[in-house]
Amino acid sequence: MFKKAQKRTNYWSKIRKKAPKVPDITCPDIDWVVNQLEKAIGKTLTQTQFKKIERKMEKLRVTNEQLRENGVYWHDACKETVRDLLGKKKSSDTPWFYRSSLD
């Protein structure tokens, strides 16, 4: 009984170990951009203000990419886990949790 529980724990640990980092919360950054744009309504946006907004938006783009990669990782991890549980053949000879993210 204990070995079965340990096997599940090890299996889950391998999945989580390979998981990409979850990015920080982005709501404050989005709020900041919206606030800056609201302040600029009816006024001219200076180059400095534009650059600040642009940097913040690029940070949000990177965070969005990280979230997307995270979703793909967990989708594939769940798919392979279900295959393992159902005893179906894996899509590769290498276990999914040992494959690189580029495969």
Protein backbone atom coordinates (compact mmCIF):
# COMPACT_ATOMS: atom_id res chain seq x y z
CA MET A 1 0.00 0.00 0.00
CA PHE A 2 2.78 2.43 0.95
CA LYS A 3 4.74 1.68 -2.22
CA LYS A 4 1.75 2.59 -4.37
CA ALA A 5 1.33 5.94 -2.61
CA GLN A 6 5.08 6.59 -2.88
CA LYS A 7 4.98 5.78 -6.61
CA ARG A 8 2.18 8.34 -7.12
CA THR A 9 4.10 10.94 -5.11
CA ASN A 10 7.25 10.34 -7.18
CA TYR A 11 5.25 10.50 -10.40
CA TRP A 12 3.67 13.83 -9.40
CA SER A 13 7.05 15.20 -8.25
CA LYS A 14 8.57 14.47 -11.66
CA ILE A 15 5.71 16.30 -13.36
CA ARG A 16 5.95 19.35 -11.11
CA LYS A 17 9.77 19.48 -11.26
CA LYS A 18 9.69 20.03 -15.03
CA ALA A 19 6.85 22.58 -14.86
CA PRO A 20 7.64 26.10 -16.04
CA LYS A 21 7.61 28.92 -13.49
CA VAL A 22 4.26 30.64 -13.09
CA PRO A 23 4.74 34.36 -13.83
CA ASP A 24 3.85 37.12 -11.41
CA ILE A 25 0.38 38.64 -11.27
CA THR A 26 -0.09 41.13 -14.12
CA CYS A 27 -3.23 42.99 -13.01
CA PRO A 28 -1.28 45.88 -11.40
CA ASP A 29 0.70 46.36 -14.62
CA ILE A 30 -2.45 46.37 -16.72
CA ASP A 31 -4.07 48.83 -14.29
CA TRP A 32 -1.00 51.07 -14.50
CA VAL A 33 -1.08 51.14 -18.33
CA VAL A 34 -4.81 51.91 -18.37
CA ASN A 35 -4.32 54.67 -15.80
CA GLN A 36 -1.50 56.25 -17.81
CA LEU A 37 -3.58 56.17 -20.98
CA GLU A 38 -6.58 57.69 -19.18
CA LYS A 39 -4.35 60.53 -17.95
CA ALA A 40 -3.19 61.14 -21.52
CA ILE A 41 -6.71 61.58 -22.93
CA GLY A 42 -6.90 64.99 -24.59
CA LYS A 43 -3.19 65.59 -23.98
CA THR A 44 -0.05 64.86 -25.91
CA LEU A 45 1.83 61.73 -24.94
CA THR A 46 5.51 62.53 -24.42
CA GLN A 47 8.27 60.24 -25.66
CA THR A 48 9.16 59.40 -22.03
CA GLN A 49 5.57 58.46 -21.20
CA PHE A 50 5.36 56.38 -24.36
CA LYS A 51 8.58 54.50 -23.51
CA LYS A 52 7.32 53.73 -19.98
CA ILE A 53 4.08 52.33 -21.37
CA GLU A 54 5.94 50.40 -24.06
CA ARG A 55 8.29 48.77 -21.51
CA LYS A 56 5.33 47.77 -19.34
CA MET A 57 3.49 46.32 -22.34
CA GLU A 58 6.58 44.31 -23.39
CA LYS A 59 6.78 42.92 -19.86
CA LEU A 60 3.12 41.88 -20.20
CA ARG A 61 3.90 40.23 -23.55
CA VAL A 62 6.65 38.12 -21.97
CA THR A 63 4.37 37.17 -19.09
CA ASN A 64 1.65 36.17 -21.54
CA GLU A 65 4.12 33.95 -23.42
CA GLN A 66 5.12 32.31 -20.13
CA LEU A 67 1.48 31.63 -19.30
CA ARG A 68 0.94 30.11 -22.73
CA GLU A 69 4.01 27.85 -22.34
CA ASN A 70 2.78 26.87 -18.89
CA GLY A 71 -0.63 25.92 -20.31
CA VAL A 72 0.95 23.82 -23.06
CA TYR A 73 3.17 22.05 -20.52
CA TRP A 74 0.29 21.16 -18.20
CA HIS A 75 -1.96 20.13 -21.11
CA ASP A 76 0.71 17.73 -22.38
CA ALA A 77 1.45 16.50 -18.86
CA CYS A 78 -2.22 15.71 -18.24
CA LYS A 79 -2.57 14.03 -21.62
CA GLU A 80 0.42 11.76 -20.97
CA THR A 81 -0.77 11.01 -17.42
CA VAL A 82 -4.18 9.91 -18.71
CA ARG A 83 -2.44 7.72 -21.31
CA ASP A 84 -0.34 6.17 -18.54
CA LEU A 85 -3.40 5.54 -16.38
CA LEU A 86 -5.31 4.00 -19.28
CA GLY A 87 -2.29 1.96 -20.34
CA LYS A 88 -2.17 3.45 -23.82
CA LYS A 89 1.04 3.78 -25.78
CA LYS A 90 2.92 7.03 -25.31
CA SER A 91 3.57 9.35 -28.24
CA SER A 92 7.34 8.89 -27.81
CA ASP A 93 9.74 6.29 -26.44
CA THR A 94 11.14 8.90 -24.03
CA PRO A 95 8.88 9.61 -21.05
CA TRP A 96 7.23 13.01 -21.48
CA PHE A 97 8.65 14.36 -18.23
CA TYR A 98 12.21 13.77 -19.49
CA ARG A 99 11.66 15.38 -22.90
CA SER A 100 12.84 18.91 -23.55
CA SER A 101 10.23 21.57 -24.18
CA LEU A 102 11.39 21.76 -27.80
CA ASP A 103 10.28 18.19 -28.68
